[in-house]
């Protein structure tokens, strides 16, 4: 039986902020410093940090950010009521 290989789609922090619609990376860095996004980090051997948008067995990155930021009317990720 062959071992299963998983394809992980991971992006740099600046690419992730662009994909999610942010103008800067400040929000993502703030959440990373508070260790909120630990489950979404993929580290390369060189030490470069990547973020997974849809990790297995976890909510998506956009949902996790939405749950951990304060609601404001100018936020990119809107909170649905």
PDB file of N, CA and C in Angstrom:
ATOM      1  N   UNK A   1       0.834  -1.170   0.000  1.00  0.00           N
ATOM      2  CA  UNK A   1       0.000   0.000   0.000  1.00  0.00           C
ATOM      3  C   UNK A   1       0.884   1.239   0.000  1.00  0.00           C
ATOM      4  N   UNK A   2       0.577   2.169  -0.900  1.00  0.00           N
ATOM      5  CA  UNK A   2       1.363   3.391  -1.008  1.00  0.00           C
ATOM      6  C   UNK A   2       0.976   4.372   0.098  1.00  0.00           C
ATOM      7  N   UNK A   3       1.955   5.105   0.621  1.00  0.00           N
ATOM      8  CA  UNK A   3       1.609   6.147   1.601  1.00  0.00           C
ATOM      9  C   UNK A   3       0.874   7.285   0.913  1.00  0.00           C
ATOM     10  N   UNK A   4      -0.038   7.889   1.627  1.00  0.00           N
ATOM     11  CA  UNK A   4      -0.800   9.011   1.082  1.00  0.00           C
ATOM     12  C   UNK A   4       0.027  10.288   1.182  1.00  0.00           C
ATOM     13  N   UNK A   5      -0.014  11.075   0.153  1.00  0.00           N
ATOM     14  CA  UNK A   5       0.682  12.355   0.187  1.00  0.00           C
ATOM     15  C   UNK A   5      -0.361  13.463   0.211  1.00  0.00           C
ATOM     16  N   UNK A   6      -0.118  14.446   1.027  1.00  0.00           N
ATOM     17  CA  UNK A   6      -1.037  15.558   1.179  1.00  0.00           C
ATOM     18  C   UNK A   6      -0.443  16.795   0.520  1.00  0.00           C
ATOM     19  N   UNK A   7      -1.263  17.480  -0.221  1.00  0.00           N
ATOM     20  CA  UNK A   7      -0.850  18.734  -0.833  1.00  0.00           C
ATOM     21  C   UNK A   7      -1.305  19.866   0.073  1.00  0.00           C
ATOM     22  N   UNK A   8      -0.360  20.629   0.578  1.00  0.00           N
ATOM     23  CA  UNK A   8      -0.689  21.749   1.445  1.00  0.00           C
ATOM     24  C   UNK A   8      -0.538  23.025   0.634  1.00  0.00           C
ATOM     25  N   UNK A   9      -1.575  23.816   0.620  1.00  0.00           N
ATOM     26  CA  UNK A   9      -1.549  25.095  -0.068  1.00  0.00           C
ATOM     27  C   UNK A   9      -1.241  26.170   0.963  1.00  0.00           C
ATOM     28  N   UNK A  10      -0.020  26.673   0.946  1.00  0.00           N
ATOM     29  CA  UNK A  10       0.407  27.668   1.924  1.00  0.00           C
ATOM     30  C   UNK A  10       0.972  28.883   1.204  1.00  0.00           C
ATOM     31  N   UNK A  11       0.732  30.056   1.780  1.00  0.00           N
ATOM     32  CA  UNK A  11       1.152  31.319   1.183  1.00  0.00           C
ATOM     33  C   UNK A  11       1.958  32.121   2.192  1.00  0.00           C
ATOM     34  N   UNK A  12       2.798  33.018   1.686  1.00  0.00           N
ATOM     35  CA  UNK A  12       3.534  33.911   2.579  1.00  0.00           C
ATOM     36  C   UNK A  12       2.540  34.869   3.230  1.00  0.00           C
ATOM     37  N   UNK A  13       2.995  35.582   4.221  1.00  0.00           N
ATOM     38  CA  UNK A  13       2.103  36.482   4.951  1.00  0.00           C
ATOM     39  C   UNK A  13       1.614  37.606   4.047  1.00  0.00           C
ATOM     40  N   UNK A  14       2.478  38.142   3.206  1.00  0.00           N
ATOM     41  CA  UNK A  14       2.037  39.217   2.315  1.00  0.00           C
ATOM     42  C   UNK A  14       1.057  38.702   1.265  1.00  0.00           C
ATOM     43  N   UNK A  15       1.280  37.486   0.737  1.00  0.00           N
ATOM     44  CA  UNK A  15       0.332  36.907  -0.221  1.00  0.00           C
ATOM     45  C   UNK A  15      -1.010  36.636   0.437  1.00  0.00           C
ATOM     46  N   UNK A  16      -0.980  36.141   1.671  1.00  0.00           N
ATOM     47  CA  UNK A  16      -2.212  35.851   2.405  1.00  0.00           C
ATOM     48  C   UNK A  16      -3.012  37.118   2.640  1.00  0.00           C
ATOM     49  N   UNK A  17      -2.335  38.199   3.016  1.00  0.00           N
ATOM     50  CA  UNK A  17      -3.058  39.452   3.258  1.00  0.00           C
ATOM     51  C   UNK A  17      -3.697  39.964   1.975  1.00  0.00           C
ATOM     52  N   UNK A  18      -3.018  39.801   0.844  1.00  0.00           N
ATOM     53  CA  UNK A  18      -3.586  40.209  -0.440  1.00  0.00           C
ATOM     54  C   UNK A  18      -4.796  39.345  -0.805  1.00  0.00           C
ATOM     55  N   UNK A  19      -4.701  38.043  -0.584  1.00  0.00           N
ATOM     56  CA  UNK A  19      -5.803  37.132  -0.905  1.00  0.00           C
ATOM     57  C   UNK A  19      -7.035  37.459  -0.063  1.00  0.00           C
ATOM     58  N   UNK A  20      -6.819  37.769   1.219  1.00  0.00           N
ATOM     59  CA  UNK A  20      -7.943  38.078   2.114  1.00  0.00           C
ATOM     60  C   UNK A  20      -8.450  39.501   1.951  1.00  0.00           C
ATOM     61  N   UNK A  21      -7.739  40.346   1.216  1.00  0.00           N
ATOM     62  CA  UNK A  21      -8.218  41.688   0.922  1.00  0.00           C
ATOM     63  C   UNK A  21      -7.713  42.778   1.837  1.00  0.00           C
ATOM     64  N   UNK A  22      -6.686  42.517   2.626  1.00  0.00           N
ATOM     65  CA  UNK A  22      -6.139  43.545   3.504  1.00  0.00           C
ATOM     66  C   UNK A  22      -5.167  44.432   2.747  1.00  0.00           C
ATOM     67  N   UNK A  23      -5.056  45.691   3.172  1.00  0.00           N
ATOM     68  CA  UNK A  23      -4.121  46.628   2.556  1.00  0.00           C
ATOM     69  C   UNK A  23      -2.712  46.431   3.089  1.00  0.00           C
ATOM     70  N   UNK A  24      -2.591  45.950   4.337  1.00  0.00           N
ATOM     71  CA  UNK A  24      -1.274  45.720   4.922  1.00  0.00           C
ATOM     72  C   UNK A  24      -1.282  44.383   5.670  1.00  0.00           C
ATOM     73  N   UNK A  25      -0.109  44.003   6.137  1.00  0.00           N
ATOM     74  CA  UNK A  25       0.040  42.729   6.846  1.00  0.00           C
ATOM     75  C   UNK A  25      -0.054  42.888   8.359  1.00  0.00           C
ATOM     76  N   UNK A  26      -0.357  44.081   8.820  1.00  0.00           N
ATOM     77  CA  UNK A  26      -0.333  44.386  10.246  1.00  0.00           C
ATOM     78  C   UNK A  26      -1.275  43.502  11.063  1.00  0.00           C
ATOM     79  N   UNK A  27      -2.484  43.264  10.566  1.00  0.00           N
ATOM     80  CA  UNK A  27      -3.450  42.435  11.296  1.00  0.00           C
ATOM     81  C   UNK A  27      -2.943  41.010  11.435  1.00  0.00           C
ATOM     82  N   UNK A  28      -2.395  40.463  10.372  1.00  0.00           N
ATOM     83  CA  UNK A  28      -1.893  39.092  10.425  1.00  0.00           C
ATOM     84  C   UNK A  28      -0.706  38.972  11.376  1.00  0.00           C
ATOM     85  N   UNK A  29       0.215  39.932  11.329  1.00  0.00           N
ATOM     86  CA  UNK A  29       1.353  39.898  12.245  1.00  0.00           C
ATOM     87  C   UNK A  29       0.899  40.040  13.700  1.00  0.00           C
ATOM     88  N   UNK A  30      -0.102  40.873  13.943  1.00  0.00           N
ATOM     89  CA  UNK A  30      -0.607  41.056  15.291  1.00  0.00           C
ATOM     90  C   UNK A  30      -1.187  39.736  15.827  1.00  0.00           C
ATOM     91  N   UNK A  31      -1.953  39.034  14.992  1.00  0.00           N
ATOM     92  CA  UNK A  31      -2.526  37.753  15.406  1.00  0.00           C
ATOM     93  C   UNK A  31      -1.449  36.677  15.562  1.00  0.00           C
ATOM     94  N   UNK A  32      -0.424  36.727  14.728  1.00  0.00           N
ATOM     95  CA  UNK A  32       0.678  35.773  14.856  1.00  0.00           C
ATOM     96  C   UNK A  32       1.454  36.001  16.150  1.00  0.00           C
ATOM     97  N   UNK A  33       1.667  37.254  16.527  1.00  0.00           N
ATOM     98  CA  UNK A  33       2.391  37.557  17.766  1.00  0.00           C
ATOM     99  C   UNK A  33       1.608  37.144  19.002  1.00  0.00           C
ATOM    100  N   UNK A  34       0.274  37.142  18.912  1.00  0.00           N
ATOM    101  CA  UNK A  34      -0.555  36.700  20.036  1.00  0.00           C
ATOM    102  C   UNK A  34      -0.764  35.190  20.034  1.00  0.00           C
ATOM    103  N   UNK A  35      -0.138  34.467  19.101  1.00  0.00           N
ATOM    104  CA  UNK A  35      -0.233  33.006  18.959  1.00  0.00           C
ATOM    105  C   UNK A  35      -1.642  32.527  18.678  1.00  0.00           C
ATOM    106  N   UNK A  36      -2.443  33.346  18.015  1.00  0.00           N
ATOM    107  CA  UNK A  36      -3.802  32.965  17.644  1.00  0.00           C
ATOM    108  C   UNK A  36      -3.791  32.039  16.434  1.00  0.00           C
ATOM    109  N   UNK A  37      -2.838  32.253  15.531  1.00  0.00           N
ATOM    110  CA  UNK A  37      -2.805  31.505  14.274  1.00  0.00           C
ATOM    111  C   UNK A  37      -1.787  30.371  14.270  1.00  0.00           C
ATOM    112  N   UNK A  38      -1.491  29.789  15.433  1.00  0.00           N
ATOM    113  CA  UNK A  38      -0.501  28.718  15.531  1.00  0.00           C
ATOM    114  C   UNK A  38      -0.841  27.520  14.656  1.00  0.00           C
ATOM    115  N   UNK A  39      -2.111  27.168  14.569  1.00  0.00           N
ATOM    116  CA  UNK A  39      -2.531  25.986  13.821  1.00  0.00           C
ATOM    117  C   UNK A  39      -2.468  26.199  12.315  1.00  0.00           C
ATOM    118  N   UNK A  40      -2.253  27.408  11.871  1.00  0.00           N
ATOM    119  CA  UNK A  40      -2.279  27.749  10.455  1.00  0.00           C
ATOM    120  C   UNK A  40      -0.882  28.003   9.891  1.00  0.00           C
ATOM    121  N   UNK A  41       0.147  27.856  10.729  1.00  0.00           N
ATOM    122  CA  UNK A  41       1.519  28.150  10.332  1.00  0.00           C
ATOM    123  C   UNK A  41       2.169  26.910   9.734  1.00  0.00           C
ATOM    124  N   UNK A  42       2.874  27.127   8.629  1.00  0.00           N
ATOM    125  CA  UNK A  42       3.709  26.095   8.028  1.00  0.00           C
ATOM    126  C   UNK A  42       5.108  26.684   7.927  1.00  0.00           C
ATOM    127  N   UNK A  43       6.068  26.079   8.629  1.00  0.00           N
ATOM    128  CA  UNK A  43       7.441  26.588   8.631  1.00  0.00           C
ATOM    129  C   UNK A  43       8.290  25.802   7.643  1.00  0.00           C
ATOM    130  N   UNK A  44       9.023  26.507   6.827  1.00  0.00           N
ATOM    131  CA  UNK A  44       9.965  25.885   5.919  1.00  0.00           C
ATOM    132  C   UNK A  44      11.281  25.692   6.656  1.00  0.00           C
ATOM    133  N   UNK A  45      12.136  24.820   6.161  1.00  0.00           N
ATOM    134  CA  UNK A  45      13.407  24.565   6.831  1.00  0.00           C
ATOM    135  C   UNK A  45      14.274  25.809   6.931  1.00  0.00           C
ATOM    136  N   UNK A  46      14.130  26.718   6.000  1.00  0.00           N
ATOM    137  CA  UNK A  46      14.914  27.948   6.033  1.00  0.00           C
ATOM    138  C   UNK A  46      14.413  28.927   7.088  1.00  0.00           C
ATOM    139  N   UNK A  47      13.238  28.653   7.658  1.00  0.00           N
ATOM    140  CA  UNK A  47      12.675  29.524   8.685  1.00  0.00           C
ATOM    141  C   UNK A  47      11.593  30.449   8.176  1.00  0.00           C
ATOM    142  N   UNK A  48      11.283  30.372   6.902  1.00  0.00           N
ATOM    143  CA  UNK A  48      10.254  31.231   6.324  1.00  0.00           C
ATOM    144  C   UNK A  48       8.871  30.757   6.772  1.00  0.00           C
ATOM    145  N   UNK A  49       8.017  31.696   7.117  1.00  0.00           N
ATOM    146  CA  UNK A  49       6.688  31.391   7.644  1.00  0.00           C
ATOM    147  C   UNK A  49       5.657  31.465   6.521  1.00  0.00           C
ATOM    148  N   UNK A  50       4.852  30.414   6.427  1.00  0.00           N
ATOM    149  CA  UNK A  50       3.748  30.367   5.478  1.00  0.00           C
ATOM    150  C   UNK A  50       2.460  30.158   6.254  1.00  0.00           C
ATOM    151  N   UNK A  51       1.347  30.624   5.712  1.00  0.00           N
ATOM    152  CA  UNK A  51       0.041  30.428   6.324  1.00  0.00           C
ATOM    153  C   UNK A  51      -0.834  29.583   5.401  1.00  0.00           C
ATOM    154  N   UNK A  52      -1.532  28.625   6.006  1.00  0.00           N
ATOM    155  CA  UNK A  52      -2.451  27.777   5.247  1.00  0.00           C
ATOM    156  C   UNK A  52      -3.843  28.387   5.329  1.00  0.00           C
ATOM    157  N   UNK A  53      -4.488  28.586   4.191  1.00  0.00           N
ATOM    158  CA  UNK A  53      -5.824  29.167   4.176  1.00  0.00           C
ATOM    159  C   UNK A  53      -6.883  28.169   4.631  1.00  0.00           C
ATOM    160  N   UNK A  54      -6.709  26.903   4.288  1.00  0.00           N
ATOM    161  CA  UNK A  54      -7.672  25.866   4.660  1.00  0.00           C
ATOM    162  C   UNK A  54      -6.934  24.645   5.190  1.00  0.00           C
ATOM    163  N   UNK A  55      -6.491  24.682   6.463  1.00  0.00           N
ATOM    164  CA  UNK A  55      -5.793  23.520   7.011  1.00  0.00           C
ATOM    165  C   UNK A  55      -6.777  22.386   7.281  1.00  0.00           C
ATOM    166  N   UNK A  56      -6.302  21.144   7.249  1.00  0.00           N
ATOM    167  CA  UNK A  56      -7.198  20.026   7.521  1.00  0.00           C
ATOM    168  C   UNK A  56      -7.656  20.024   8.981  1.00  0.00           C
ATOM    169  N   UNK A  57      -8.924  19.719   9.206  1.00  0.00           N
ATOM    170  CA  UNK A  57      -9.534  19.569  10.533  1.00  0.00           C
ATOM    171  C   UNK A  57      -9.613  20.864  11.347  1.00  0.00           C
ATOM    172  N   UNK A  58      -9.516  22.015  10.698  1.00  0.00           N
ATOM    173  CA  UNK A  58      -9.655  23.301  11.368  1.00  0.00           C
ATOM    174  C   UNK A  58     -10.542  24.201  10.520  1.00  0.00           C
ATOM    175  N   UNK A  59     -11.153  25.226  11.130  1.00  0.00           N
ATOM    176  CA  UNK A  59     -11.900  26.200  10.315  1.00  0.00           C
ATOM    177  C   UNK A  59     -10.943  26.961   9.401  1.00  0.00           C
ATOM    178  N   UNK A  60     -11.484  27.594   8.391  1.00  0.00           N
ATOM    179  CA  UNK A  60     -10.613  28.322   7.461  1.00  0.00           C
ATOM    180  C   UNK A  60      -9.941  29.503   8.165  1.00  0.00           C
ATOM    181  N   UNK A  61      -8.895  30.001   7.554  1.00  0.00           N
ATOM    182  CA  UNK A  61      -8.156  31.120   8.139  1.00  0.00           C
ATOM    183  C   UNK A  61      -9.021  32.366   8.240  1.00  0.00           C
ATOM    184  N   UNK A  62      -9.857  32.613   7.232  1.00  0.00           N
ATOM    185  CA  UNK A  62     -10.742  33.787   7.260  1.00  0.00           C
ATOM    186  C   UNK A  62     -11.724  33.699   8.425  1.00  0.00           C
ATOM    187  N   UNK A  63     -12.248  32.510   8.711  1.00  0.00           N
ATOM    188  CA  UNK A  63     -13.172  32.341   9.837  1.00  0.00           C
ATOM    189  C   UNK A  63     -12.456  32.560  11.167  1.00  0.00           C
ATOM    190  N   UNK A  64     -11.228  32.075  11.279  1.00  0.00           N
ATOM    191  CA  UNK A  64     -10.454  32.245  12.511  1.00  0.00           C
ATOM    192  C   UNK A  64     -10.139  33.721  12.758  1.00  0.00           C
ATOM    193  N   UNK A  65      -9.782  34.447  11.703  1.00  0.00           N
ATOM    194  CA  UNK A  65      -9.499  35.874  11.845  1.00  0.00           C
ATOM    195  C   UNK A  65     -10.770  36.616  12.221  1.00  0.00           C
ATOM    196  N   UNK A  66     -11.874  36.280  11.579  1.00  0.00           N
ATOM    197  CA  UNK A  66     -13.155  36.932  11.867  1.00  0.00           C
ATOM    198  C   UNK A  66     -13.540  36.754  13.332  1.00  0.00           C
ATOM    199  N   UNK A  67     -13.232  35.597  13.912  1.00  0.00           N
ATOM    200  CA  UNK A  67     -13.573  35.337  15.310  1.00  0.00           C
ATOM    201  C   UNK A  67     -12.665  36.073  16.286  1.00  0.00           C
ATOM    202  N   UNK A  68     -11.507  36.538  15.814  1.00  0.00           N
ATOM    203  CA  UNK A  68     -10.527  37.139  16.721  1.00  0.00           C
ATOM    204  C   UNK A  68     -10.252  38.611  16.505  1.00  0.00           C
ATOM    205  N   UNK A  69     -10.999  39.261  15.632  1.00  0.00           N
ATOM    206  CA  UNK A  69     -10.821  40.698  15.467  1.00  0.00           C
ATOM    207  C   UNK A  69     -12.077  41.416  15.927  1.00  0.00           C
ATOM    208  N   UNK A  70     -11.899  42.669  16.232  1.00  0.00           N
ATOM    209  CA  UNK A  70     -13.014  43.485  16.674  1.00  0.00           C
ATOM    210  C   UNK A  70     -13.813  43.949  15.471  1.00  0.00           C
ATOM    211  N   UNK A  71     -15.120  43.900  15.573  1.00  0.00           N
ATOM    212  CA  UNK A  71     -15.976  44.309  14.458  1.00  0.00           C
ATOM    213  C   UNK A  71     -15.948  45.817  14.288  1.00  0.00           C
ATOM    214  N   UNK A  72     -15.671  46.240  13.088  1.00  0.00           N
ATOM    215  CA  UNK A  72     -15.765  47.637  12.693  1.00  0.00           C
ATOM    216  C   UNK A  72     -16.344  47.672  11.300  1.00  0.00           C
ATOM    217  N   UNK A  73     -17.014  48.746  10.972  1.00  0.00           N
ATOM    218  CA  UNK A  73     -17.703  48.775   9.687  1.00  0.00           C
ATOM    219  C   UNK A  73     -16.740  48.819   8.508  1.00  0.00           C
ATOM    220  N   UNK A  74     -15.477  49.149   8.725  1.00  0.00           N
ATOM    221  CA  UNK A  74     -14.506  49.202   7.641  1.00  0.00           C
ATOM    222  C   UNK A  74     -13.675  47.926   7.515  1.00  0.00           C
ATOM    223  N   UNK A  75     -13.946  46.901   8.356  1.00  0.00           N
ATOM    224  CA  UNK A  75     -13.187  45.659   8.250  1.00  0.00           C
ATOM    225  C   UNK A  75     -13.442  44.987   6.913  1.00  0.00           C
ATOM    226  N   UNK A  76     -12.417  44.354   6.397  1.00  0.00           N
ATOM    227  CA  UNK A  76     -12.535  43.619   5.146  1.00  0.00           C
ATOM    228  C   UNK A  76     -13.412  42.393   5.333  1.00  0.00           C
ATOM    229  N   UNK A  77     -13.142  41.643   6.379  1.00  0.00           N
ATOM    230  CA  UNK A  77     -13.915  40.440   6.672  1.00  0.00           C
ATOM    231  C   UNK A  77     -15.095  40.865   7.529  1.00  0.00           C
ATOM    232  N   UNK A  78     -16.259  40.869   6.936  1.00  0.00           N
ATOM    233  CA  UNK A  78     -17.465  41.313   7.641  1.00  0.00           C
ATOM    234  C   UNK A  78     -18.007  40.200   8.531  1.00  0.00           C
ATOM    235  N   UNK A  79     -18.529  40.571   9.653  1.00  0.00           N
ATOM    236  CA  UNK A  79     -19.148  39.609  10.555  1.00  0.00           C
ATOM    237  C   UNK A  79     -20.622  39.492  10.183  1.00  0.00           C
ATOM    238  N   UNK A  80     -21.033  38.286   9.884  1.00  0.00           N
ATOM    239  CA  UNK A  80     -22.419  38.071   9.498  1.00  0.00           C
ATOM    240  C   UNK A  80     -23.266  37.833  10.738  1.00  0.00           C
ATOM    241  N   UNK A  81     -24.329  38.595  10.866  1.00  0.00           N
ATOM    242  CA  UNK A  81     -25.212  38.505  12.034  1.00  0.00           C
ATOM    243  C   UNK A  81     -26.463  37.761  11.668  1.00  0.00           C
TER     244      UNK A  81
END
